[in-house]
Amino acid sequence: MTTSTRFAAATVQELAEKGRKIVTVKNMEYGIFLVNGNYYAWRNVCPHAAAPICEGTVCGTRLPSLVYEYEYGRDQEIVRCPWHGWEFDLITGQHLVNGSVKLRGCKVEVEGDQLYLQFA
């Protein structure tokens, strides 16, 4: 039997205002992000060099396109590491170039105006 634990971490209003919030739960920092109306939580540790990834710029990225064409997209769905520029998908946690590298995260539950981090 698996037990899970959840922790109150933020309010819907806090995320609506700023788009993200960094919280400490279980002695670990997590960044909670509002992306396209959904909530995602990632540990604030870049897998490359342990940088505070959740403090990085939230942006978009260049989409696959023809040579000499540069198409920008996925605005506000990408976080860029503040130390070395590694980019991660805020929805999946995947590194944009190396599919074997991924952020660690946890589930976000919404109950009323409260956001909870859910740990299995």
PDB file of N, CA and C in Angstrom:
ATOM      1  N   MET A   1       0.841  -1.186   0.000  1.00  0.00           N
ATOM      2  CA  MET A   1       0.000   0.000   0.000  1.00  0.00           C
ATOM      3  C   MET A   1       0.882   1.243   0.000  1.00  0.00           C
ATOM      4  N   THR A   2       0.621   2.140  -0.906  1.00  0.00           N
ATOM      5  CA  THR A   2       1.389   3.375  -1.029  1.00  0.00           C
ATOM      6  C   THR A   2       0.634   4.508  -0.356  1.00  0.00           C
ATOM      7  N   THR A   3       1.339   5.238   0.476  1.00  0.00           N
ATOM      8  CA  THR A   3       0.725   6.408   1.093  1.00  0.00           C
ATOM      9  C   THR A   3       1.304   7.650   0.423  1.00  0.00           C
ATOM     10  N   SER A   4       0.499   8.672   0.343  1.00  0.00           N
ATOM     11  CA  SER A   4       0.975   9.909  -0.245  1.00  0.00           C
ATOM     12  C   SER A   4       0.782  11.036   0.750  1.00  0.00           C
ATOM     13  N   THR A   5       1.545  12.067   0.545  1.00  0.00           N
ATOM     14  CA  THR A   5       1.520  13.222   1.419  1.00  0.00           C
ATOM     15  C   THR A   5       1.371  14.462   0.554  1.00  0.00           C
ATOM     16  N   ARG A   6       0.599  15.416   1.039  1.00  0.00           N
ATOM     17  CA  ARG A   6       0.497  16.674   0.306  1.00  0.00           C
ATOM     18  C   ARG A   6       0.710  17.836   1.262  1.00  0.00           C
ATOM     19  N   PHE A   7       1.226  18.921   0.688  1.00  0.00           N
ATOM     20  CA  PHE A   7       1.564  20.104   1.462  1.00  0.00           C
ATOM     21  C   PHE A   7       0.965  21.332   0.793  1.00  0.00           C
ATOM     22  N   ALA A   8       0.315  22.182   1.581  1.00  0.00           N
ATOM     23  CA  ALA A   8      -0.170  23.469   1.069  1.00  0.00           C
ATOM     24  C   ALA A   8       1.052  24.283   0.669  1.00  0.00           C
ATOM     25  N   ALA A   9       1.052  24.811  -0.564  1.00  0.00           N
ATOM     26  CA  ALA A   9       2.252  25.470  -1.060  1.00  0.00           C
ATOM     27  C   ALA A   9       2.030  26.899  -1.551  1.00  0.00           C
ATOM     28  N   ALA A  10       0.854  27.189  -2.090  1.00  0.00           N
ATOM     29  CA  ALA A  10       0.599  28.514  -2.659  1.00  0.00           C
ATOM     30  C   ALA A  10      -0.898  28.658  -2.880  1.00  0.00           C
ATOM     31  N   THR A  11      -1.295  29.856  -3.293  1.00  0.00           N
ATOM     32  CA  THR A  11      -2.696  30.067  -3.638  1.00  0.00           C
ATOM     33  C   THR A  11      -2.808  30.288  -5.139  1.00  0.00           C
ATOM     34  N   VAL A  12      -3.984  30.048  -5.658  1.00  0.00           N
ATOM     35  CA  VAL A  12      -4.255  30.293  -7.070  1.00  0.00           C
ATOM     36  C   VAL A  12      -3.944  31.748  -7.403  1.00  0.00           C
ATOM     37  N   GLN A  13      -4.309  32.665  -6.522  1.00  0.00           N
ATOM     38  CA  GLN A  13      -4.075  34.095  -6.742  1.00  0.00           C
ATOM     39  C   GLN A  13      -2.589  34.421  -6.887  1.00  0.00           C
ATOM     40  N   GLU A  14      -1.749  33.831  -6.034  1.00  0.00           N
ATOM     41  CA  GLU A  14      -0.309  34.082  -6.115  1.00  0.00           C
ATOM     42  C   GLU A  14       0.248  33.702  -7.487  1.00  0.00           C
ATOM     43  N   LEU A  15      -0.177  32.564  -8.013  1.00  0.00           N
ATOM     44  CA  LEU A  15       0.316  32.124  -9.317  1.00  0.00           C
ATOM     45  C   LEU A  15      -0.292  32.948 -10.438  1.00  0.00           C
ATOM     46  N   ALA A  16      -1.534  33.380 -10.287  1.00  0.00           N
ATOM     47  CA  ALA A  16      -2.181  34.201 -11.313  1.00  0.00           C
ATOM     48  C   ALA A  16      -1.455  35.537 -11.467  1.00  0.00           C
ATOM     49  N   GLU A  17      -0.932  36.066 -10.369  1.00  0.00           N
ATOM     50  CA  GLU A  17      -0.254  37.359 -10.393  1.00  0.00           C
ATOM     51  C   GLU A  17       1.144  37.280 -10.987  1.00  0.00           C
ATOM     52  N   LYS A  18       1.905  36.251 -10.620  1.00  0.00           N
ATOM     53  CA  LYS A  18       3.313  36.207 -11.007  1.00  0.00           C
ATOM     54  C   LYS A  18       3.679  35.073 -11.955  1.00  0.00           C
ATOM     55  N   GLY A  19       2.820  34.069 -12.108  1.00  0.00           N
ATOM     56  CA  GLY A  19       3.116  32.962 -13.011  1.00  0.00           C
ATOM     57  C   GLY A  19       3.970  31.865 -12.417  1.00  0.00           C
ATOM     58  N   ARG A  20       4.639  32.169 -11.302  1.00  0.00           N
ATOM     59  CA  ARG A  20       5.444  31.153 -10.612  1.00  0.00           C
ATOM     60  C   ARG A  20       5.675  31.561  -9.164  1.00  0.00           C
ATOM     61  N   LYS A  21       5.984  30.563  -8.364  1.00  0.00           N
ATOM     62  CA  LYS A  21       6.345  30.814  -6.974  1.00  0.00           C
ATOM     63  C   LYS A  21       7.301  29.713  -6.545  1.00  0.00           C
ATOM     64  N   ILE A  22       8.350  30.094  -5.831  1.00  0.00           N
ATOM     65  CA  ILE A  22       9.300  29.111  -5.311  1.00  0.00           C
ATOM     66  C   ILE A  22       8.987  28.913  -3.836  1.00  0.00           C
ATOM     67  N   VAL A  23       8.811  27.649  -3.456  1.00  0.00           N
ATOM     68  CA  VAL A  23       8.441  27.299  -2.091  1.00  0.00           C
ATOM     69  C   VAL A  23       9.397  26.234  -1.575  1.00  0.00           C
ATOM     70  N   THR A  24       9.453  26.092  -0.247  1.00  0.00           N
ATOM     71  CA  THR A  24      10.245  25.037   0.369  1.00  0.00           C
ATOM     72  C   THR A  24       9.304  24.037   1.015  1.00  0.00           C
ATOM     73  N   VAL A  25       9.423  22.786   0.590  1.00  0.00           N
ATOM     74  CA  VAL A  25       8.611  21.693   1.122  1.00  0.00           C
ATOM     75  C   VAL A  25       9.537  20.509   1.357  1.00  0.00           C
ATOM     76  N   LYS A  26       9.434  19.912   2.519  1.00  0.00           N
ATOM     77  CA  LYS A  26      10.281  18.761   2.860  1.00  0.00           C
ATOM     78  C   LYS A  26      11.765  19.107   2.691  1.00  0.00           C
ATOM     79  N   ASN A  27      12.152  20.308   3.115  1.00  0.00           N
ATOM     80  CA  ASN A  27      13.539  20.796   3.043  1.00  0.00           C
ATOM     81  C   ASN A  27      14.095  20.885   1.624  1.00  0.00           C
ATOM     82  N   MET A  28      13.219  20.988   0.642  1.00  0.00           N
ATOM     83  CA  MET A  28      13.644  21.104  -0.757  1.00  0.00           C
ATOM     84  C   MET A  28      12.843  22.226  -1.413  1.00  0.00           C
ATOM     85  N   GLU A  29      13.517  23.027  -2.239  1.00  0.00           N
ATOM     86  CA  GLU A  29      12.817  24.092  -2.964  1.00  0.00           C
ATOM     87  C   GLU A  29      12.169  23.535  -4.224  1.00  0.00           C
ATOM     88  N   TYR A  30      10.948  24.005  -4.476  1.00  0.00           N
ATOM     89  CA  TYR A  30      10.200  23.670  -5.683  1.00  0.00           C
ATOM     90  C   TYR A  30       9.696  24.955  -6.307  1.00  0.00           C
ATOM     91  N   GLY A  31       9.710  25.002  -7.618  1.00  0.00           N
ATOM     92  CA  GLY A  31       9.090  26.098  -8.338  1.00  0.00           C
ATOM     93  C   GLY A  31       7.750  25.631  -8.857  1.00  0.00           C
ATOM     94  N   ILE A  32       6.703  26.378  -8.533  1.00  0.00           N
ATOM     95  CA  ILE A  32       5.366  26.077  -9.044  1.00  0.00           C
ATOM     96  C   ILE A  32       5.101  27.070 -10.169  1.00  0.00           C
ATOM     97  N   PHE A  33       4.708  26.559 -11.321  1.00  0.00           N
ATOM     98  CA  PHE A  33       4.501  27.387 -12.510  1.00  0.00           C
ATOM     99  C   PHE A  33       3.080  27.246 -13.023  1.00  0.00           C
ATOM    100  N   LEU A  34       2.517  28.342 -13.491  1.00  0.00           N
ATOM    101  CA  LEU A  34       1.225  28.349 -14.167  1.00  0.00           C
ATOM    102  C   LEU A  34       1.518  28.441 -15.664  1.00  0.00           C
ATOM    103  N   VAL A  35       1.187  27.365 -16.394  1.00  0.00           N
ATOM    104  CA  VAL A  35       1.476  27.291 -17.822  1.00  0.00           C
ATOM    105  C   VAL A  35       0.197  26.900 -18.557  1.00  0.00           C
ATOM    106  N   ASN A  36      -0.290  27.788 -19.386  1.00  0.00           N
ATOM    107  CA  ASN A  36      -1.493  27.521 -20.179  1.00  0.00           C
ATOM    108  C   ASN A  36      -2.673  27.052 -19.321  1.00  0.00           C
ATOM    109  N   GLY A  37      -2.816  27.643 -18.145  1.00  0.00           N
ATOM    110  CA  GLY A  37      -3.941  27.324 -17.278  1.00  0.00           C
ATOM    111  C   GLY A  37      -3.747  26.103 -16.395  1.00  0.00           C
ATOM    112  N   ASN A  38      -2.579  25.453 -16.471  1.00  0.00           N
ATOM    113  CA  ASN A  38      -2.285  24.279 -15.638  1.00  0.00           C
ATOM    114  C   ASN A  38      -1.099  24.568 -14.732  1.00  0.00           C
ATOM    115  N   TYR A  39      -1.005  23.821 -13.632  1.00  0.00           N
ATOM    116  CA  TYR A  39       0.056  24.025 -12.647  1.00  0.00           C
ATOM    117  C   TYR A  39       1.052  22.873 -12.700  1.00  0.00           C
ATOM    118  N   TYR A  40       2.337  23.227 -12.620  1.00  0.00           N
ATOM    119  CA  TYR A  40       3.417  22.250 -12.638  1.00  0.00           C
ATOM    120  C   TYR A  40       4.421  22.630 -11.562  1.00  0.00           C
ATOM    121  N   ALA A  41       4.994  21.635 -10.901  1.00  0.00           N
ATOM    122  CA  ALA A  41       5.994  21.888  -9.854  1.00  0.00           C
ATOM    123  C   ALA A  41       7.261  21.111 -10.170  1.00  0.00           C
ATOM    124  N   TRP A  42       8.392  21.816 -10.131  1.00  0.00           N
ATOM    125  CA  TRP A  42       9.695  21.224 -10.418  1.00  0.00           C
ATOM    126  C   TRP A  42      10.664  21.564  -9.306  1.00  0.00           C
ATOM    127  N   ARG A  43      11.531  20.595  -8.969  1.00  0.00           N
ATOM    128  CA  ARG A  43      12.574  20.881  -7.981  1.00  0.00           C
ATOM    129  C   ARG A  43      13.460  21.992  -8.514  1.00  0.00           C
ATOM    130  N   ASN A  44      13.877  22.861  -7.633  1.00  0.00           N
ATOM    131  CA  ASN A  44      14.683  24.023  -8.016  1.00  0.00           C
ATOM    132  C   ASN A  44      16.162  23.645  -8.116  1.00  0.00           C
ATOM    133  N   VAL A  45      16.432  22.578  -8.881  1.00  0.00           N
ATOM    134  CA  VAL A  45      17.797  22.086  -9.063  1.00  0.00           C
ATOM    135  C   VAL A  45      17.969  21.675 -10.523  1.00  0.00           C
ATOM    136  N   CYS A  46      18.839  22.364 -11.233  1.00  0.00           N
ATOM    137  CA  CYS A  46      19.119  21.984 -12.621  1.00  0.00           C
ATOM    138  C   CYS A  46      19.938  20.696 -12.623  1.00  0.00           C
ATOM    139  N   PRO A  47      19.560  19.704 -13.435  1.00  0.00           N
ATOM    140  CA  PRO A  47      20.304  18.447 -13.466  1.00  0.00           C
ATOM    141  C   PRO A  47      21.728  18.591 -14.008  1.00  0.00           C
ATOM    142  N   HIS A  48      22.043  19.703 -14.652  1.00  0.00           N
ATOM    143  CA  HIS A  48      23.377  19.906 -15.221  1.00  0.00           C
ATOM    144  C   HIS A  48      24.405  20.258 -14.146  1.00  0.00           C
ATOM    145  N   ALA A  49      24.143  21.312 -13.364  1.00  0.00           N
ATOM    146  CA  ALA A  49      25.143  21.761 -12.389  1.00  0.00           C
ATOM    147  C   ALA A  49      24.503  22.262 -11.100  1.00  0.00           C
ATOM    148  N   ALA A  50      23.282  21.798 -10.806  1.00  0.00           N
ATOM    149  CA  ALA A  50      22.568  22.108  -9.563  1.00  0.00           C
ATOM    150  C   ALA A  50      22.213  23.591  -9.409  1.00  0.00           C
ATOM    151  N   ALA A  51      22.111  24.309 -10.495  1.00  0.00           N
ATOM    152  CA  ALA A  51      21.713  25.724 -10.455  1.00  0.00           C
ATOM    153  C   ALA A  51      20.247  25.833 -10.028  1.00  0.00           C
ATOM    154  N   PRO A  52      19.843  26.997  -9.523  1.00  0.00           N
ATOM    155  CA  PRO A  52      18.434  27.209  -9.157  1.00  0.00           C
ATOM    156  C   PRO A  52      17.577  27.420 -10.413  1.00  0.00           C
ATOM    157  N   ILE A  53      17.248  26.333 -11.088  1.00  0.00           N
ATOM    158  CA  ILE A  53      16.583  26.365 -12.393  1.00  0.00           C
ATOM    159  C   ILE A  53      15.286  27.161 -12.367  1.00  0.00           C
ATOM    160  N   CYS A  54      14.532  27.076 -11.282  1.00  0.00           N
ATOM    161  CA  CYS A  54      13.221  27.735 -11.224  1.00  0.00           C
ATOM    162  C   CYS A  54      13.305  29.250 -11.142  1.00  0.00           C
ATOM    163  N   GLU A  55      14.504  29.781 -10.945  1.00  0.00           N
ATOM    164  CA  GLU A  55      14.717  31.218 -10.938  1.00  0.00           C
ATOM    165  C   GLU A  55      15.073  31.741 -12.330  1.00  0.00           C
ATOM    166  N   GLY A  56      15.182  30.846 -13.295  1.00  0.00           N
ATOM    167  CA  GLY A  56      15.562  31.221 -14.644  1.00  0.00           C
ATOM    168  C   GLY A  56      14.453  31.933 -15.396  1.00  0.00           C
ATOM    169  N   THR A  57      14.802  32.438 -16.556  1.00  0.00           N
ATOM    170  CA  THR A  57      13.857  33.138 -17.416  1.00  0.00           C
ATOM    171  C   THR A  57      12.825  32.172 -17.967  1.00  0.00           C
ATOM    172  N   VAL A  58      11.553  32.552 -17.885  1.00  0.00           N
ATOM    173  CA  VAL A  58      10.483  31.782 -18.511  1.00  0.00           C
ATOM    174  C   VAL A  58      10.248  32.427 -19.867  1.00  0.00           C
ATOM    175  N   CYS A  59      10.332  31.613 -20.916  1.00  0.00           N
ATOM    176  CA  CYS A  59      10.303  32.163 -22.271  1.00  0.00           C
ATOM    177  C   CYS A  59       9.734  31.133 -23.237  1.00  0.00           C
ATOM    178  N   GLY A  60       9.986  31.330 -24.507  1.00  0.00           N
ATOM    179  CA  GLY A  60       9.663  30.365 -25.547  1.00  0.00           C
ATOM    180  C   GLY A  60      10.960  29.859 -26.135  1.00  0.00           C
ATOM    181  N   THR A  61      10.882  29.292 -27.320  1.00  0.00           N
ATOM    182  CA  THR A  61      12.081  28.762 -27.946  1.00  0.00           C
ATOM    183  C   THR A  61      11.909  28.759 -29.460  1.00  0.00           C
ATOM    184  N   ARG A  62      12.978  28.467 -30.144  1.00  0.00           N
ATOM    185  CA  ARG A  62      12.925  28.366 -31.594  1.00  0.00           C
ATOM    186  C   ARG A  62      12.312  27.028 -31.982  1.00  0.00           C
ATOM    187  N   LEU A  63      11.363  27.067 -32.878  1.00  0.00           N
ATOM    188  CA  LEU A  63      10.689  25.862 -33.345  1.00  0.00           C
ATOM    189  C   LEU A  63      11.418  25.287 -34.556  1.00  0.00           C
ATOM    190  N   PRO A  64      11.250  23.989 -34.823  1.00  0.00           N
ATOM    191  CA  PRO A  64      11.848  23.421 -36.033  1.00  0.00           C
ATOM    192  C   PRO A  64      11.345  24.189 -37.258  1.00  0.00           C
ATOM    193  N   SER A  65      12.256  24.566 -38.121  1.00  0.00           N
ATOM    194  CA  SER A  65      11.893  25.345 -39.301  1.00  0.00           C
ATOM    195  C   SER A  65      12.938  25.131 -40.386  1.00  0.00           C
ATOM    196  N   LEU A  66      12.689  25.678 -41.542  1.00  0.00           N
ATOM    197  CA  LEU A  66      13.606  25.548 -42.665  1.00  0.00           C
ATOM    198  C   LEU A  66      14.892  26.330 -42.409  1.00  0.00           C
ATOM    199  N   VAL A  67      15.921  25.995 -43.162  1.00  0.00           N
ATOM    200  CA  VAL A  67      17.205  26.693 -43.053  1.00  0.00           C
ATOM    201  C   VAL A  67      16.992  28.191 -43.277  1.00  0.00           C
ATOM    202  N   TYR A  68      17.614  28.997 -42.453  1.00  0.00           N
ATOM    203  CA  TYR A  68      17.538  30.459 -42.483  1.00  0.00           C
ATOM    204  C   TYR A  68      16.172  31.018 -42.112  1.00  0.00           C
ATOM    205  N   GLU A  69      15.291  30.165 -41.630  1.00  0.00           N
ATOM    206  CA  GLU A  69      14.015  30.623 -41.096  1.00  0.00           C
ATOM    207  C   GLU A  69      14.031  30.349 -39.599  1.00  0.00           C
ATOM    208  N   TYR A  70      13.686  31.325 -38.817  1.00  0.00           N
ATOM    209  CA  TYR A  70      13.726  31.197 -37.373  1.00  0.00           C
ATOM    210  C   TYR A  70      12.346  31.496 -36.818  1.00  0.00           C
ATOM    211  N   GLU A  71      11.648  30.459 -36.467  1.00  0.00           N
ATOM    212  CA  GLU A  71      10.280  30.596 -35.972  1.00  0.00           C
ATOM    213  C   GLU A  71      10.267  30.431 -34.453  1.00  0.00           C
ATOM    214  N   TYR A  72       9.737  31.426 -33.765  1.00  0.00           N
ATOM    215  CA  TYR A  72       9.653  31.425 -32.300  1.00  0.00           C
ATOM    216  C   TYR A  72       8.285  30.901 -31.883  1.00  0.00           C
ATOM    217  N   GLY A  73       8.247  30.110 -30.823  1.00  0.00           N
ATOM    218  CA  GLY A  73       6.974  29.595 -30.337  1.00  0.00           C
ATOM    219  C   GLY A  73       7.082  29.071 -28.916  1.00  0.00           C
ATOM    220  N   ARG A  74       5.987  28.475 -28.460  1.00  0.00           N
ATOM    221  CA  ARG A  74       5.903  27.910 -27.106  1.00  0.00           C
ATOM    222  C   ARG A  74       6.187  28.964 -26.034  1.00  0.00           C
ATOM    223  N   ASP A  75       5.746  30.183 -26.277  1.00  0.00           N
ATOM    224  CA  ASP A  75       5.985  31.283 -25.348  1.00  0.00           C
ATOM    225  C   ASP A  75       5.455  30.951 -23.962  1.00  0.00           C
ATOM    226  N   GLN A  76       6.259  31.214 -22.949  1.00  0.00           N
ATOM    227  CA  GLN A  76       5.951  31.000 -21.532  1.00  0.00           C
ATOM    228  C   GLN A  76       5.822  29.515 -21.167  1.00  0.00           C
ATOM    229  N   GLU A  77       6.397  28.627 -21.993  1.00  0.00           N
ATOM    230  CA  GLU A  77       6.377  27.185 -21.715  1.00  0.00           C
ATOM    231  C   GLU A  77       7.768  26.618 -21.448  1.00  0.00           C
ATOM    232  N   ILE A  78       8.785  27.464 -21.493  1.00  0.00           N
ATOM    233  CA  ILE A  78      10.176  27.022 -21.365  1.00  0.00           C
ATOM    234  C   ILE A  78      10.835  27.789 -20.220  1.00  0.00           C
ATOM    235  N   VAL A  79      11.652  27.088 -19.433  1.00  0.00           N
ATOM    236  CA  VAL A  79      12.469  27.778 -18.424  1.00  0.00           C
ATOM    237  C   VAL A  79      13.930  27.595 -18.827  1.00  0.00           C
ATOM    238  N   ARG A  80      14.679  28.702 -18.770  1.00  0.00           N
ATOM    239  CA  ARG A  80      16.088  28.700 -19.151  1.00  0.00           C
ATOM    240  C   ARG A  80      16.943  28.823 -17.889  1.00  0.00           C
ATOM    241  N   CYS A  81      17.854  27.902 -17.711  1.00  0.00           N
ATOM    242  CA  CYS A  81      18.725  27.902 -16.528  1.00  0.00           C
ATOM    243  C   CYS A  81      19.511  29.208 -16.442  1.00  0.00           C
ATOM    244  N   PRO A  82      19.527  29.833 -15.263  1.00  0.00           N
ATOM    245  CA  PRO A  82      20.221  31.114 -15.119  1.00  0.00           C
ATOM    246  C   PRO A  82      21.742  30.997 -15.174  1.00  0.00           C
ATOM    247  N   TRP A  83      22.294  29.805 -15.005  1.00  0.00           N
ATOM    248  CA  TRP A  83      23.754  29.664 -15.010  1.00  0.00           C
ATOM    249  C   TRP A  83      24.314  29.358 -16.396  1.00  0.00           C
ATOM    250  N   HIS A  84      23.754  28.374 -17.094  1.00  0.00           N
ATOM    251  CA  HIS A  84      24.357  27.920 -18.344  1.00  0.00           C
ATOM    252  C   HIS A  84      23.400  27.903 -19.529  1.00  0.00           C
ATOM    253  N   GLY A  85      22.172  28.365 -19.336  1.00  0.00           N
ATOM    254  CA  GLY A  85      21.239  28.501 -20.447  1.00  0.00           C
ATOM    255  C   GLY A  85      20.539  27.238 -20.902  1.00  0.00           C
ATOM    256  N   TRP A  86      20.684  26.134 -20.176  1.00  0.00           N
ATOM    257  CA  TRP A  86      19.965  24.920 -20.564  1.00  0.00           C
ATOM    258  C   TRP A  86      18.468  25.205 -20.507  1.00  0.00           C
ATOM    259  N   GLU A  87      17.716  24.713 -21.491  1.00  0.00           N
ATOM    260  CA  GLU A  87      16.283  24.984 -21.570  1.00  0.00           C
ATOM    261  C   GLU A  87      15.476  23.714 -21.319  1.00  0.00           C
ATOM    262  N   PHE A  88      14.412  23.886 -20.518  1.00  0.00           N
ATOM    263  CA  PHE A  88      13.546  22.765 -20.152  1.00  0.00           C
ATOM    264  C   PHE A  88      12.090  23.115 -20.408  1.00  0.00           C
ATOM    265  N   ASP A  89      11.330  22.121 -20.838  1.00  0.00           N
ATOM    266  CA  ASP A  89       9.900  22.233 -21.063  1.00  0.00           C
ATOM    267  C   ASP A  89       9.206  22.269 -19.700  1.00  0.00           C
ATOM    268  N   LEU A  90       8.466  23.325 -19.405  1.00  0.00           N
ATOM    269  CA  LEU A  90       7.789  23.442 -18.108  1.00  0.00           C
ATOM    270  C   LEU A  90       6.609  22.478 -17.965  1.00  0.00           C
ATOM    271  N   ILE A  91       6.136  21.916 -19.053  1.00  0.00           N
ATOM    272  CA  ILE A  91       5.006  20.989 -18.985  1.00  0.00           C
ATOM    273  C   ILE A  91       5.479  19.566 -18.710  1.00  0.00           C
ATOM    274  N   THR A  92       6.554  19.150 -19.372  1.00  0.00           N
ATOM    275  CA  THR A  92       7.052  17.774 -19.228  1.00  0.00           C
ATOM    276  C   THR A  92       8.305  17.663 -18.376  1.00  0.00           C
ATOM    277  N   GLY A  93       9.029  18.759 -18.214  1.00  0.00           N
ATOM    278  CA  GLY A  93      10.299  18.725 -17.496  1.00  0.00           C
ATOM    279  C   GLY A  93      11.472  18.301 -18.358  1.00  0.00           C
ATOM    280  N   GLN A  94      11.218  17.927 -19.606  1.00  0.00           N
ATOM    281  CA  GLN A  94      12.271  17.436 -20.508  1.00  0.00           C
ATOM    282  C   GLN A  94      13.209  18.548 -20.952  1.00  0.00           C
ATOM    283  N   HIS A  95      14.497  18.224 -21.035  1.00  0.00           N
ATOM    284  CA  HIS A  95      15.487  19.110 -21.640  1.00  0.00           C
ATOM    285  C   HIS A  95      15.158  19.196 -23.128  1.00  0.00           C
ATOM    286  N   LEU A  96      15.291  20.361 -23.731  1.00  0.00           N
ATOM    287  CA  LEU A  96      14.882  20.533 -25.114  1.00  0.00           C
ATOM    288  C   LEU A  96      15.782  19.837 -26.129  1.00  0.00           C
ATOM    289  N   VAL A  97      17.010  19.507 -25.751  1.00  0.00           N
ATOM    290  CA  VAL A  97      17.934  18.877 -26.686  1.00  0.00           C
ATOM    291  C   VAL A  97      18.193  17.412 -26.345  1.00  0.00           C
ATOM    292  N   ASN A  98      18.433  17.120 -25.091  1.00  0.00           N
ATOM    293  CA  ASN A  98      18.783  15.768 -24.664  1.00  0.00           C
ATOM    294  C   ASN A  98      17.610  15.145 -23.915  1.00  0.00           C
ATOM    295  N   GLY A  99      16.900  14.256 -24.557  1.00  0.00           N
ATOM    296  CA  GLY A  99      15.711  13.644 -23.980  1.00  0.00           C
ATOM    297  C   GLY A  99      15.958  12.800 -22.743  1.00  0.00           C
ATOM    298  N   SER A 100      17.216  12.453 -22.468  1.00  0.00           N
ATOM    299  CA  SER A 100      17.497  11.655 -21.273  1.00  0.00           C
ATOM    300  C   SER A 100      17.663  12.525 -20.026  1.00  0.00           C
ATOM    301  N   VAL A 101      17.648  13.842 -20.201  1.00  0.00           N
ATOM    302  CA  VAL A 101      17.789  14.778 -19.076  1.00  0.00           C
ATOM    303  C   VAL A 101      16.424  15.385 -18.788  1.00  0.00           C
ATOM    304  N   LYS A 102      16.026  15.333 -17.523  1.00  0.00           N
ATOM    305  CA  LYS A 102      14.694  15.815 -17.153  1.00  0.00           C
ATOM    306  C   LYS A 102      14.719  16.408 -15.744  1.00  0.00           C
ATOM    307  N   LEU A 103      13.893  17.432 -15.549  1.00  0.00           N
ATOM    308  CA  LEU A 103      13.713  17.991 -14.213  1.00  0.00           C
ATOM    309  C   LEU A 103      12.917  17.005 -13.372  1.00  0.00           C
ATOM    310  N   ARG A 104      13.138  17.032 -12.070  1.00  0.00           N
ATOM    311  CA  ARG A 104      12.337  16.225 -11.156  1.00  0.00           C
ATOM    312  C   ARG A 104      11.214  17.088 -10.621  1.00  0.00           C
ATOM    313  N   GLY A 105      10.053  16.508 -10.519  1.00  0.00           N
ATOM    314  CA  GLY A 105       8.919  17.295 -10.061  1.00  0.00           C
ATOM    315  C   GLY A 105       7.949  16.494  -9.231  1.00  0.00           C
ATOM    316  N   CYS A 106       6.832  17.114  -8.959  1.00  0.00           N
ATOM    317  CA  CYS A 106       5.750  16.459  -8.232  1.00  0.00           C
ATOM    318  C   CYS A 106       4.429  17.010  -8.747  1.00  0.00           C
ATOM    319  N   LYS A 107       3.374  16.336  -8.399  1.00  0.00           N
ATOM    320  CA  LYS A 107       2.042  16.722  -8.856  1.00  0.00           C
ATOM    321  C   LYS A 107       1.534  17.923  -8.058  1.00  0.00           C
ATOM    322  N   VAL A 108       0.787  18.789  -8.742  1.00  0.00           N
ATOM    323  CA  VAL A 108       0.135  19.921  -8.086  1.00  0.00           C
ATOM    324  C   VAL A 108      -1.368  19.650  -8.094  1.00  0.00           C
ATOM    325  N   GLU A 109      -1.976  19.724  -6.925  1.00  0.00           N
ATOM    326  CA  GLU A 109      -3.426  19.572  -6.801  1.00  0.00           C
ATOM    327  C   GLU A 109      -4.040  20.912  -6.430  1.00  0.00           C
ATOM    328  N   VAL A 110      -5.208  21.180  -6.993  1.00  0.00           N
ATOM    329  CA  VAL A 110      -5.930  22.415  -6.705  1.00  0.00           C
ATOM    330  C   VAL A 110      -7.183  22.050  -5.926  1.00  0.00           C
ATOM    331  N   GLU A 111      -7.352  22.722  -4.808  1.00  0.00           N
ATOM    332  CA  GLU A 111      -8.559  22.537  -3.988  1.00  0.00           C
ATOM    333  C   GLU A 111      -9.026  23.921  -3.555  1.00  0.00           C
ATOM    334  N   GLY A 112     -10.096  24.388  -4.172  1.00  0.00           N
ATOM    335  CA  GLY A 112     -10.550  25.751  -3.906  1.00  0.00           C
ATOM    336  C   GLY A 112      -9.516  26.730  -4.421  1.00  0.00           C
ATOM    337  N   ASP A 113      -9.039  27.616  -3.542  1.00  0.00           N
ATOM    338  CA  ASP A 113      -8.020  28.599  -3.903  1.00  0.00           C
ATOM    339  C   ASP A 113      -6.617  28.143  -3.514  1.00  0.00           C
ATOM    340  N   GLN A 114      -6.494  26.931  -2.983  1.00  0.00           N
ATOM    341  CA  GLN A 114      -5.217  26.455  -2.457  1.00  0.00           C
ATOM    342  C   GLN A 114      -4.560  25.471  -3.429  1.00  0.00           C
ATOM    343  N   LEU A 115      -3.236  25.620  -3.599  1.00  0.00           N
ATOM    344  CA  LEU A 115      -2.432  24.675  -4.387  1.00  0.00           C
ATOM    345  C   LEU A 115      -1.637  23.811  -3.423  1.00  0.00           C
ATOM    346  N   TYR A 116      -1.663  22.513  -3.672  1.00  0.00           N
ATOM    347  CA  TYR A 116      -0.937  21.549  -2.848  1.00  0.00           C
ATOM    348  C   TYR A 116       0.087  20.816  -3.689  1.00  0.00           C
ATOM    349  N   LEU A 117       1.255  20.539  -3.122  1.00  0.00           N
ATOM    350  CA  LEU A 117       2.216  19.672  -3.762  1.00  0.00           C
ATOM    351  C   LEU A 117       1.952  18.272  -3.241  1.00  0.00           C
ATOM    352  N   GLN A 118       1.817  17.322  -4.160  1.00  0.00           N
ATOM    353  CA  GLN A 118       1.466  15.947  -3.827  1.00  0.00           C
ATOM    354  C   GLN A 118       2.696  15.048  -4.042  1.00  0.00           C
ATOM    355  N   PHE A 119       3.058  14.319  -3.006  1.00  0.00           N
ATOM    356  CA  PHE A 119       4.199  13.397  -3.070  1.00  0.00           C
ATOM    357  C   PHE A 119       3.679  11.974  -2.854  1.00  0.00           C
ATOM    358  N   ALA A 120       4.121  11.062  -3.699  1.00  0.00           N
ATOM    359  CA  ALA A 120       3.696   9.662  -3.580  1.00  0.00           C
ATOM    360  C   ALA A 120       4.472   8.970  -2.480  1.00  0.00           C
TER     361      ALA A 120
END
